[in-house]
Every structure is written in C-alpha cells, then in structure tokens.
PDB file of N, CA and C in Angstrom:
ATOM      1  N   MET A   1       1.224 -40.203 -77.303  1.00  0.00           N
ATOM      2  CA  MET A   1       1.108 -39.989 -75.608  1.00  0.00           C
ATOM      3  C   MET A   1      -0.115 -40.100 -75.175  1.00  0.00           C
ATOM      4  N   ARG A   2      -0.007 -40.513 -74.252  1.00  0.00           N
ATOM      5  CA  ARG A   2      -1.666 -40.436 -73.603  1.00  0.00           C
ATOM      6  C   ARG A   2      -1.619 -39.450 -72.214  1.00  0.00           C
ATOM      7  N   ARG A   3      -2.549 -38.774 -71.927  1.00  0.00           N
ATOM      8  CA  ARG A   3      -2.606 -37.789 -70.850  1.00  0.00           C
ATOM      9  C   ARG A   3      -3.546 -37.846 -70.274  1.00  0.00           C
ATOM     10  N   ALA A   4      -4.206 -37.618 -69.047  1.00  0.00           N
ATOM     11  CA  ALA A   4      -5.291 -37.687 -68.363  1.00  0.00           C
ATOM     12  C   ALA A   4      -5.564 -36.180 -68.563  1.00  0.00           C
ATOM     13  N   VAL A   5      -6.951 -36.048 -68.664  1.00  0.00           N
ATOM     14  CA  VAL A   5      -7.583 -34.472 -68.950  1.00  0.00           C
ATOM     15  C   VAL A   5      -8.213 -34.625 -67.396  1.00  0.00           C
ATOM     16  N   VAL A   6      -7.745 -33.520 -66.872  1.00  0.00           N
ATOM     17  CA  VAL A   6      -8.171 -32.953 -65.257  1.00  0.00           C
ATOM     18  C   VAL A   6      -9.215 -32.355 -65.374  1.00  0.00           C
ATOM     19  N   GLY A   7      -9.119 -31.288 -66.337  1.00  0.00           N
ATOM     20  CA  GLY A   7     -10.329 -30.287 -66.349  1.00  0.00           C
ATOM     21  C   GLY A   7     -11.044 -30.222 -67.535  1.00  0.00           C
ATOM     22  N   MET A   8     -12.206 -30.937 -67.777  1.00  0.00           N
ATOM     23  CA  MET A   8     -12.823 -31.128 -69.198  1.00  0.00           C
ATOM     24  C   MET A   8     -12.842 -29.667 -69.910  1.00  0.00           C
ATOM     25  N   SER A   9     -13.237 -28.822 -68.937  1.00  0.00           N
ATOM     26  CA  SER A   9     -13.751 -27.377 -69.744  1.00  0.00           C
ATOM     27  C   SER A   9     -12.664 -26.583 -70.194  1.00  0.00           C
ATOM     28  N   LEU A  10     -11.188 -27.248 -69.924  1.00  0.00           N
ATOM     29  CA  LEU A  10      -9.966 -27.001 -70.519  1.00  0.00           C
ATOM     30  C   LEU A  10      -9.695 -27.287 -71.927  1.00  0.00           C
ATOM     31  N   ALA A  11     -10.088 -28.721 -71.515  1.00  0.00           N
ATOM     32  CA  ALA A  11      -9.645 -29.468 -72.914  1.00  0.00           C
ATOM     33  C   ALA A  11     -10.978 -29.583 -74.280  1.00  0.00           C
ATOM     34  N   VAL A  12     -11.947 -29.128 -73.842  1.00  0.00           N
ATOM     35  CA  VAL A  12     -13.293 -29.233 -74.995  1.00  0.00           C
ATOM     36  C   VAL A  12     -14.074 -27.862 -74.443  1.00  0.00           C
ATOM     37  N   THR A  13     -14.665 -27.318 -75.343  1.00  0.00           N
ATOM     38  CA  THR A  13     -16.065 -26.393 -74.709  1.00  0.00           C
ATOM     39  C   THR A  13     -17.164 -26.836 -75.849  1.00  0.00           C
ATOM     40  N   LEU A  14     -18.293 -27.383 -74.548  1.00  0.00           N
ATOM     41  CA  LEU A  14     -19.648 -27.356 -75.281  1.00  0.00           C
ATOM     42  C   LEU A  14     -20.390 -26.154 -75.547  1.00  0.00           C
ATOM     43  N   VAL A  15     -20.911 -26.226 -76.573  1.00  0.00           N
ATOM     44  CA  VAL A  15     -21.504 -24.639 -76.785  1.00  0.00           C
ATOM     45  C   VAL A  15     -22.592 -24.790 -77.691  1.00  0.00           C
ATOM     46  N   ALA A  16     -23.573 -24.003 -77.399  1.00  0.00           N
ATOM     47  CA  ALA A  16     -25.021 -23.937 -78.615  1.00  0.00           C
ATOM     48  C   ALA A  16     -24.708 -23.126 -79.758  1.00  0.00           C
ATOM     49  N   LEU A  17     -24.954 -23.341 -80.357  1.00  0.00           N
ATOM     50  CA  LEU A  17     -24.944 -22.496 -81.754  1.00  0.00           C
ATOM     51  C   LEU A  17     -25.536 -21.067 -81.720  1.00  0.00           C
ATOM     52  N   ALA A  18     -26.326 -21.039 -80.768  1.00  0.00           N
ATOM     53  CA  ALA A  18     -26.923 -19.832 -80.685  1.00  0.00           C
ATOM     54  C   ALA A  18     -26.408 -19.213 -79.291  1.00  0.00           C
ATOM     55  N   SER A  19     -25.219 -19.507 -79.007  1.00  0.00           N
ATOM     56  CA  SER A  19     -24.947 -18.976 -77.186  1.00  0.00           C
ATOM     57  C   SER A  19     -23.911 -17.797 -77.809  1.00  0.00           C
ATOM     58  N   THR A  20     -25.424 -16.828 -77.290  1.00  0.00           N
ATOM     59  CA  THR A  20     -25.069 -15.535 -77.129  1.00  0.00           C
ATOM     60  C   THR A  20     -25.417 -14.782 -75.755  1.00  0.00           C
ATOM     61  N   PRO A  21     -24.921 -13.600 -75.471  1.00  0.00           N
ATOM     62  CA  PRO A  21     -25.738 -13.181 -74.376  1.00  0.00           C
ATOM     63  C   PRO A  21     -27.317 -13.300 -74.036  1.00  0.00           C
ATOM     64  N   MET A  22     -27.795 -13.494 -75.315  1.00  0.00           N
ATOM     65  CA  MET A  22     -29.737 -13.306 -75.224  1.00  0.00           C
ATOM     66  C   MET A  22     -29.579 -14.897 -75.450  1.00  0.00           C
ATOM     67  N   ALA A  23     -29.189 -15.995 -74.927  1.00  0.00           N
ATOM     68  CA  ALA A  23     -29.516 -17.369 -75.463  1.00  0.00           C
ATOM     69  C   ALA A  23     -30.979 -17.426 -74.895  1.00  0.00           C
ATOM     70  N   SER A  24     -31.357 -18.587 -75.686  1.00  0.00           N
ATOM     71  CA  SER A  24     -32.694 -18.675 -75.557  1.00  0.00           C
ATOM     72  C   SER A  24     -33.094 -19.543 -74.472  1.00  0.00           C
ATOM     73  N   PRO A  25     -34.240 -19.282 -73.437  1.00  0.00           N
ATOM     74  CA  PRO A  25     -34.462 -20.290 -72.034  1.00  0.00           C
ATOM     75  C   PRO A  25     -34.064 -21.838 -72.150  1.00  0.00           C
ATOM     76  N   ARG A  26     -34.290 -22.454 -73.291  1.00  0.00           N
ATOM     77  CA  ARG A  26     -34.407 -23.612 -73.698  1.00  0.00           C
ATOM     78  C   ARG A  26     -32.645 -23.863 -73.587  1.00  0.00           C
ATOM     79  N   ILE A  27     -31.897 -23.265 -74.279  1.00  0.00           N
ATOM     80  CA  ILE A  27     -30.455 -23.487 -74.173  1.00  0.00           C
ATOM     81  C   ILE A  27     -30.011 -23.199 -72.790  1.00  0.00           C
ATOM     82  N   ALA A  28     -30.431 -22.535 -72.222  1.00  0.00           N
ATOM     83  CA  ALA A  28     -29.630 -21.956 -70.944  1.00  0.00           C
ATOM     84  C   ALA A  28     -30.342 -23.225 -69.774  1.00  0.00           C
ATOM     85  N   ALA A  29     -31.575 -23.749 -69.885  1.00  0.00           N
ATOM     86  CA  ALA A  29     -31.811 -24.759 -69.153  1.00  0.00           C
ATOM     87  C   ALA A  29     -31.130 -26.003 -69.424  1.00  0.00           C
ATOM     88  N   ALA A  30     -31.137 -26.235 -70.739  1.00  0.00           N
ATOM     89  CA  ALA A  30     -30.090 -27.480 -71.036  1.00  0.00           C
ATOM     90  C   ALA A  30     -28.661 -27.392 -70.556  1.00  0.00           C
ATOM     91  N   ALA A  31     -28.115 -26.129 -70.764  1.00  0.00           N
ATOM     92  CA  ALA A  31     -26.698 -26.004 -70.349  1.00  0.00           C
ATOM     93  C   ALA A  31     -26.462 -26.352 -68.858  1.00  0.00           C
ATOM     94  N   GLY A  32     -27.743 -26.264 -67.883  1.00  0.00           N
ATOM     95  CA  GLY A  32     -27.414 -26.338 -66.777  1.00  0.00           C
ATOM     96  C   GLY A  32     -27.334 -27.629 -66.287  1.00  0.00           C
ATOM     97  N   CYS A  33     -27.420 -28.615 -67.389  1.00  0.00           N
ATOM     98  CA  CYS A  33     -27.754 -30.183 -66.928  1.00  0.00           C
ATOM     99  C   CYS A  33     -26.804 -30.959 -67.645  1.00  0.00           C
ATOM    100  N   VAL A  34     -26.003 -30.540 -68.593  1.00  0.00           N
ATOM    101  CA  VAL A  34     -25.286 -31.158 -69.463  1.00  0.00           C
ATOM    102  C   VAL A  34     -24.010 -31.250 -68.557  1.00  0.00           C
ATOM    103  N   ARG A  35     -22.955 -32.428 -68.422  1.00  0.00           N
ATOM    104  CA  ARG A  35     -21.610 -32.451 -67.715  1.00  0.00           C
ATOM    105  C   ARG A  35     -20.963 -33.193 -68.465  1.00  0.00           C
ATOM    106  N   PHE A  36     -19.810 -32.831 -68.573  1.00  0.00           N
ATOM    107  CA  PHE A  36     -18.709 -33.933 -69.311  1.00  0.00           C
ATOM    108  C   PHE A  36     -18.411 -35.189 -68.232  1.00  0.00           C
ATOM    109  N   LEU A  37     -18.474 -36.274 -68.351  1.00  0.00           N
ATOM    110  CA  LEU A  37     -17.973 -37.535 -67.308  1.00  0.00           C
ATOM    111  C   LEU A  37     -16.694 -37.840 -67.906  1.00  0.00           C
ATOM    112  N   ALA A  38     -16.393 -38.084 -69.098  1.00  0.00           N
ATOM    113  CA  ALA A  38     -14.880 -38.670 -69.245  1.00  0.00           C
ATOM    114  C   ALA A  38     -14.550 -38.432 -70.618  1.00  0.00           C
ATOM    115  N   SER A  39     -13.272 -38.797 -70.743  1.00  0.00           N
ATOM    116  CA  SER A  39     -12.791 -38.663 -72.447  1.00  0.00           C
ATOM    117  C   SER A  39     -11.695 -39.168 -72.716  1.00  0.00           C
ATOM    118  N   ASN A  40     -11.416 -39.502 -73.838  1.00  0.00           N
ATOM    119  CA  ASN A  40     -10.204 -40.128 -74.552  1.00  0.00           C
ATOM    120  C   ASN A  40      -9.871 -39.040 -75.564  1.00  0.00           C
ATOM    121  N   PHE A  41      -8.988 -38.028 -75.457  1.00  0.00           N
ATOM    122  CA  PHE A  41      -8.548 -37.073 -76.676  1.00  0.00           C
ATOM    123  C   PHE A  41      -7.298 -37.525 -77.436  1.00  0.00           C
ATOM    124  N   ASP A  42      -6.406 -38.448 -77.035  1.00  0.00           N
ATOM    125  CA  ASP A  42      -5.385 -38.944 -77.510  1.00  0.00           C
ATOM    126  C   ASP A  42      -5.264 -40.445 -77.543  1.00  0.00           C
ATOM    127  N   ALA A  43      -5.700 -40.770 -78.581  1.00  0.00           N
ATOM    128  CA  ALA A  43      -6.104 -42.550 -78.614  1.00  0.00           C
ATOM    129  C   ALA A  43      -4.770 -42.985 -79.049  1.00  0.00           C
ATOM    130  N   ALA A  44      -4.526 -44.259 -78.716  1.00  0.00           N
ATOM    131  CA  ALA A  44      -3.444 -44.919 -79.059  1.00  0.00           C
ATOM    132  C   ALA A  44      -3.072 -45.250 -80.497  1.00  0.00           C
ATOM    133  N   GLY A  45      -1.811 -44.873 -81.038  1.00  0.00           N
ATOM    134  CA  GLY A  45      -1.559 -45.302 -82.557  1.00  0.00           C
ATOM    135  C   GLY A  45      -1.942 -44.216 -83.655  1.00  0.00           C
ATOM    136  N   ASN A  46      -2.015 -44.199 -84.589  1.00  0.00           N
ATOM    137  CA  ASN A  46      -2.198 -43.282 -85.626  1.00  0.00           C
ATOM    138  C   ASN A  46      -3.679 -42.552 -85.718  1.00  0.00           C
ATOM    139  N   ASP A  47      -3.687 -41.526 -85.344  1.00  0.00           N
ATOM    140  CA  ASP A  47      -5.006 -40.501 -85.321  1.00  0.00           C
ATOM    141  C   ASP A  47      -6.101 -41.084 -86.777  1.00  0.00           C
ATOM    142  N   HIS A  48      -5.081 -41.512 -87.977  1.00  0.00           N
ATOM    143  CA  HIS A  48      -6.089 -41.567 -88.790  1.00  0.00           C
ATOM    144  C   HIS A  48      -6.691 -43.187 -88.757  1.00  0.00           C
ATOM    145  N   THR A  49      -6.110 -43.949 -88.348  1.00  0.00           N
ATOM    146  CA  THR A  49      -6.752 -45.015 -88.303  1.00  0.00           C
ATOM    147  C   THR A  49      -7.270 -45.534 -86.962  1.00  0.00           C
ATOM    148  N   ASN A  50      -7.323 -44.802 -86.054  1.00  0.00           N
ATOM    149  CA  ASN A  50      -7.899 -45.294 -84.690  1.00  0.00           C
ATOM    150  C   ASN A  50      -8.903 -44.024 -84.467  1.00  0.00           C
ATOM    151  N   GLU A  51      -9.844 -43.822 -85.077  1.00  0.00           N
ATOM    152  CA  GLU A  51     -10.674 -42.437 -84.833  1.00  0.00           C
ATOM    153  C   GLU A  51     -11.550 -42.956 -84.068  1.00  0.00           C
ATOM    154  N   ASN A  52     -12.003 -44.046 -84.002  1.00  0.00           N
ATOM    155  CA  ASN A  52     -13.030 -44.252 -82.991  1.00  0.00           C
ATOM    156  C   ASN A  52     -12.565 -44.463 -81.246  1.00  0.00           C
ATOM    157  N   GLY A  53     -11.177 -44.456 -81.374  1.00  0.00           N
ATOM    158  CA  GLY A  53     -10.482 -44.267 -79.885  1.00  0.00           C
ATOM    159  C   GLY A  53     -10.412 -43.265 -79.139  1.00  0.00           C
ATOM    160  N   GLU A  54     -10.983 -41.980 -79.947  1.00  0.00           N
ATOM    161  CA  GLU A  54     -11.083 -40.900 -79.087  1.00  0.00           C
ATOM    162  C   GLU A  54     -12.534 -40.519 -79.087  1.00  0.00           C
ATOM    163  N   TRP A  55     -12.790 -40.139 -77.965  1.00  0.00           N
ATOM    164  CA  TRP A  55     -14.421 -39.783 -77.538  1.00  0.00           C
ATOM    165  C   TRP A  55     -14.666 -38.985 -76.527  1.00  0.00           C
ATOM    166  N   VAL A  56     -15.740 -38.653 -76.065  1.00  0.00           N
ATOM    167  CA  VAL A  56     -16.146 -37.570 -75.102  1.00  0.00           C
ATOM    168  C   VAL A  56     -17.661 -38.339 -74.391  1.00  0.00           C
ATOM    169  N   ARG A  57     -17.536 -38.350 -73.392  1.00  0.00           N
ATOM    170  CA  ARG A  57     -18.804 -38.956 -72.904  1.00  0.00           C
ATOM    171  C   ARG A  57     -19.512 -38.025 -71.584  1.00  0.00           C
ATOM    172  N   ILE A  58     -20.879 -37.808 -72.319  1.00  0.00           N
ATOM    173  CA  ILE A  58     -21.664 -36.394 -71.762  1.00  0.00           C
ATOM    174  C   ILE A  58     -22.683 -37.259 -70.864  1.00  0.00           C
ATOM    175  N   LYS A  59     -23.488 -36.478 -69.888  1.00  0.00           N
ATOM    176  CA  LYS A  59     -24.498 -36.411 -69.193  1.00  0.00           C
ATOM    177  C   LYS A  59     -25.484 -35.497 -68.756  1.00  0.00           C
ATOM    178  N   ASN A  60     -26.801 -36.093 -69.132  1.00  0.00           N
ATOM    179  CA  ASN A  60     -27.761 -35.244 -68.599  1.00  0.00           C
ATOM    180  C   ASN A  60     -28.197 -35.479 -67.280  1.00  0.00           C
ATOM    181  N   VAL A  61     -27.675 -34.683 -66.356  1.00  0.00           N
ATOM    182  CA  VAL A  61     -28.037 -34.931 -65.024  1.00  0.00           C
ATOM    183  C   VAL A  61     -29.150 -34.552 -64.478  1.00  0.00           C
ATOM    184  N   CYS A  62     -30.396 -33.924 -65.239  1.00  0.00           N
ATOM    185  CA  CYS A  62     -31.252 -33.268 -64.912  1.00  0.00           C
ATOM    186  C   CYS A  62     -32.436 -34.614 -64.894  1.00  0.00           C
ATOM    187  N   SER A  63     -33.714 -34.599 -64.283  1.00  0.00           N
ATOM    188  CA  SER A  63     -34.490 -35.380 -64.410  1.00  0.00           C
ATOM    189  C   SER A  63     -35.624 -35.488 -65.553  1.00  0.00           C
ATOM    190  N   THR A  64     -35.059 -34.336 -66.435  1.00  0.00           N
ATOM    191  CA  THR A  64     -36.147 -34.480 -67.691  1.00  0.00           C
ATOM    192  C   THR A  64     -34.907 -34.258 -69.042  1.00  0.00           C
ATOM    193  N   GLY A  65     -35.365 -34.789 -70.008  1.00  0.00           N
ATOM    194  CA  GLY A  65     -34.717 -35.031 -71.267  1.00  0.00           C
ATOM    195  C   GLY A  65     -34.475 -33.258 -71.924  1.00  0.00           C
ATOM    196  N   LYS A  66     -33.248 -33.351 -72.331  1.00  0.00           N
ATOM    197  CA  LYS A  66     -32.984 -32.011 -72.671  1.00  0.00           C
ATOM    198  C   LYS A  66     -32.595 -31.892 -74.460  1.00  0.00           C
ATOM    199  N   ASP A  67     -33.082 -31.087 -75.186  1.00  0.00           N
ATOM    200  CA  ASP A  67     -32.767 -30.872 -76.720  1.00  0.00           C
ATOM    201  C   ASP A  67     -31.251 -30.125 -76.878  1.00  0.00           C
ATOM    202  N   ILE A  68     -30.509 -31.213 -77.233  1.00  0.00           N
ATOM    203  CA  ILE A  68     -29.137 -30.373 -77.549  1.00  0.00           C
ATOM    204  C   ILE A  68     -28.637 -30.511 -79.083  1.00  0.00           C
ATOM    205  N   GLY A  69     -29.876 -30.561 -79.862  1.00  0.00           N
ATOM    206  CA  GLY A  69     -29.457 -30.501 -81.162  1.00  0.00           C
ATOM    207  C   GLY A  69     -29.131 -29.115 -81.572  1.00  0.00           C
ATOM    208  N   GLY A  70     -27.945 -29.023 -82.605  1.00  0.00           N
ATOM    209  CA  GLY A  70     -27.167 -28.072 -83.008  1.00  0.00           C
ATOM    210  C   GLY A  70     -26.228 -27.169 -81.789  1.00  0.00           C
ATOM    211  N   TRP A  71     -25.995 -28.099 -80.954  1.00  0.00           N
ATOM    212  CA  TRP A  71     -24.899 -27.797 -80.112  1.00  0.00           C
ATOM    213  C   TRP A  71     -23.643 -28.447 -80.845  1.00  0.00           C
ATOM    214  N   GLN A  72     -22.524 -28.076 -80.266  1.00  0.00           N
ATOM    215  CA  GLN A  72     -21.078 -28.536 -80.862  1.00  0.00           C
ATOM    216  C   GLN A  72     -20.145 -28.862 -79.930  1.00  0.00           C
ATOM    217  N   ILE A  73     -19.420 -29.978 -80.059  1.00  0.00           N
ATOM    218  CA  ILE A  73     -17.733 -30.121 -79.183  1.00  0.00           C
ATOM    219  C   ILE A  73     -16.831 -30.000 -80.255  1.00  0.00           C
ATOM    220  N   HIS A  74     -15.812 -29.063 -79.519  1.00  0.00           N
ATOM    221  CA  HIS A  74     -14.924 -28.734 -80.692  1.00  0.00           C
ATOM    222  C   HIS A  74     -13.404 -28.620 -79.689  1.00  0.00           C
ATOM    223  N   ASP A  75     -12.644 -28.445 -80.509  1.00  0.00           N
ATOM    224  CA  ASP A  75     -11.171 -28.421 -79.563  1.00  0.00           C
ATOM    225  C   ASP A  75     -10.908 -27.086 -79.791  1.00  0.00           C
ATOM    226  N   TYR A  76      -9.768 -26.508 -78.860  1.00  0.00           N
ATOM    227  CA  TYR A  76      -9.632 -25.120 -78.823  1.00  0.00           C
ATOM    228  C   TYR A  76      -9.389 -24.492 -80.222  1.00  0.00           C
ATOM    229  N   GLY A  77      -8.870 -24.881 -81.218  1.00  0.00           N
ATOM    230  CA  GLY A  77      -8.703 -24.067 -82.522  1.00  0.00           C
ATOM    231  C   GLY A  77      -9.940 -24.573 -83.249  1.00  0.00           C
ATOM    232  N   ARG A  78     -10.706 -25.104 -82.765  1.00  0.00           N
ATOM    233  CA  ARG A  78     -12.141 -25.168 -83.798  1.00  0.00           C
ATOM    234  C   ARG A  78     -11.865 -26.273 -85.074  1.00  0.00           C
ATOM    235  N   ILE A  79     -10.554 -26.616 -85.034  1.00  0.00           N
ATOM    236  CA  ILE A  79     -10.000 -27.398 -86.087  1.00  0.00           C
ATOM    237  C   ILE A  79     -11.183 -28.857 -86.196  1.00  0.00           C
ATOM    238  N   HIS A  80     -11.539 -29.310 -84.953  1.00  0.00           N
ATOM    239  CA  HIS A  80     -12.275 -30.803 -85.059  1.00  0.00           C
ATOM    240  C   HIS A  80     -13.568 -30.486 -84.416  1.00  0.00           C
ATOM    241  N   VAL A  81     -14.596 -30.507 -84.919  1.00  0.00           N
ATOM    242  CA  VAL A  81     -15.989 -30.176 -84.334  1.00  0.00           C
ATOM    243  C   VAL A  81     -17.127 -31.301 -84.689  1.00  0.00           C
ATOM    244  N   TYR A  82     -17.557 -31.538 -83.709  1.00  0.00           N
ATOM    245  CA  TYR A  82     -18.692 -32.323 -83.765  1.00  0.00           C
ATOM    246  C   TYR A  82     -20.260 -31.671 -83.426  1.00  0.00           C
ATOM    247  N   ARG A  83     -20.976 -31.826 -84.083  1.00  0.00           N
ATOM    248  CA  ARG A  83     -22.304 -30.988 -84.015  1.00  0.00           C
ATOM    249  C   ARG A  83     -23.469 -32.076 -84.046  1.00  0.00           C
ATOM    250  N   PHE A  84     -24.230 -32.162 -82.602  1.00  0.00           N
ATOM    251  CA  PHE A  84     -25.388 -32.750 -82.536  1.00  0.00           C
ATOM    252  C   PHE A  84     -26.421 -32.397 -83.422  1.00  0.00           C
ATOM    253  N   PRO A  85     -27.101 -33.334 -84.037  1.00  0.00           N
ATOM    254  CA  PRO A  85     -27.822 -33.509 -85.241  1.00  0.00           C
ATOM    255  C   PRO A  85     -29.077 -32.399 -84.558  1.00  0.00           C
ATOM    256  N   ALA A  86     -29.763 -31.779 -85.710  1.00  0.00           N
ATOM    257  CA  ALA A  86     -30.946 -30.968 -85.205  1.00  0.00           C
ATOM    258  C   ALA A  86     -32.070 -32.057 -84.541  1.00  0.00           C
ATOM    259  N   GLY A  87     -32.783 -31.663 -83.388  1.00  0.00           N
ATOM    260  CA  GLY A  87     -33.740 -32.769 -82.629  1.00  0.00           C
ATOM    261  C   GLY A  87     -32.753 -33.682 -81.885  1.00  0.00           C
ATOM    262  N   PHE A  88     -31.709 -33.474 -81.825  1.00  0.00           N
ATOM    263  CA  PHE A  88     -31.081 -34.625 -80.755  1.00  0.00           C
ATOM    264  C   PHE A  88     -31.542 -34.313 -79.190  1.00  0.00           C
ATOM    265  N   ARG A  89     -32.140 -35.223 -78.830  1.00  0.00           N
ATOM    266  CA  ARG A  89     -32.441 -35.197 -77.382  1.00  0.00           C
ATOM    267  C   ARG A  89     -31.569 -36.232 -76.371  1.00  0.00           C
ATOM    268  N   LEU A  90     -30.963 -35.436 -75.343  1.00  0.00           N
ATOM    269  CA  LEU A  90     -30.301 -36.255 -74.505  1.00  0.00           C
ATOM    270  C   LEU A  90     -31.335 -36.729 -73.301  1.00  0.00           C
ATOM    271  N   GLY A  91     -31.323 -37.798 -73.487  1.00  0.00           N
ATOM    272  CA  GLY A  91     -32.476 -38.366 -72.094  1.00  0.00           C
ATOM    273  C   GLY A  91     -31.990 -37.866 -70.505  1.00  0.00           C
ATOM    274  N   ALA A  92     -32.750 -38.148 -70.021  1.00  0.00           N
ATOM    275  CA  ALA A  92     -32.799 -37.899 -68.222  1.00  0.00           C
ATOM    276  C   ALA A  92     -31.876 -38.891 -67.708  1.00  0.00           C
ATOM    277  N   GLY A  93     -30.870 -38.326 -66.908  1.00  0.00           N
ATOM    278  CA  GLY A  93     -30.219 -39.351 -66.393  1.00  0.00           C
ATOM    279  C   GLY A  93     -29.116 -39.650 -67.100  1.00  0.00           C
TER     280      GLY A  93
END
C-alpha cells in the first residue's frame, strides 16, 4: 500500500545522538537548517527485495555546511535506524 506522507515530523524523527536539553551549540545550529523535503516510506513490492525503494530526502537550507555526523533518522518504534557517519557534513543549500 502506498500512502503520501503529509507531515514528515509525524512519520520520522531526525535527532542528534546528544539531543538533550543541554545540546551543544553546533547541534542546535545545524538542527535549525536541516529539513525533510520528500520521502517514500512504503516502496512497492516486498520490503526485503526492494530496500532501495524506501528513502528520505533532506536538505540544508542554510548558506553554510552543517556537520550532522552522529545524527540518526528512525521510525517511531526505533526498529529501523539510519545513523549518519561521524564527520558527515551536509553542504550548504
């Protein structure tokens, strides 16, 4: 079943590993720039044979690159988690 995702924040959460009330200024600055643009959470066919059919597109809307190494994207139950590798930088724009 295919379904459109209306509110990206309802379907997926982008978090920093160190996301606490005392998060670092680096994490806070990057978080204000990273946006979900599009996604496909339910690819056609068998989930085990069409793994590349499921994706999330994010964008850095700020004018400088942002370090999002260590951040993760996960589903509600944290059953599926993608972690950006240490040092991963999302370019400007």
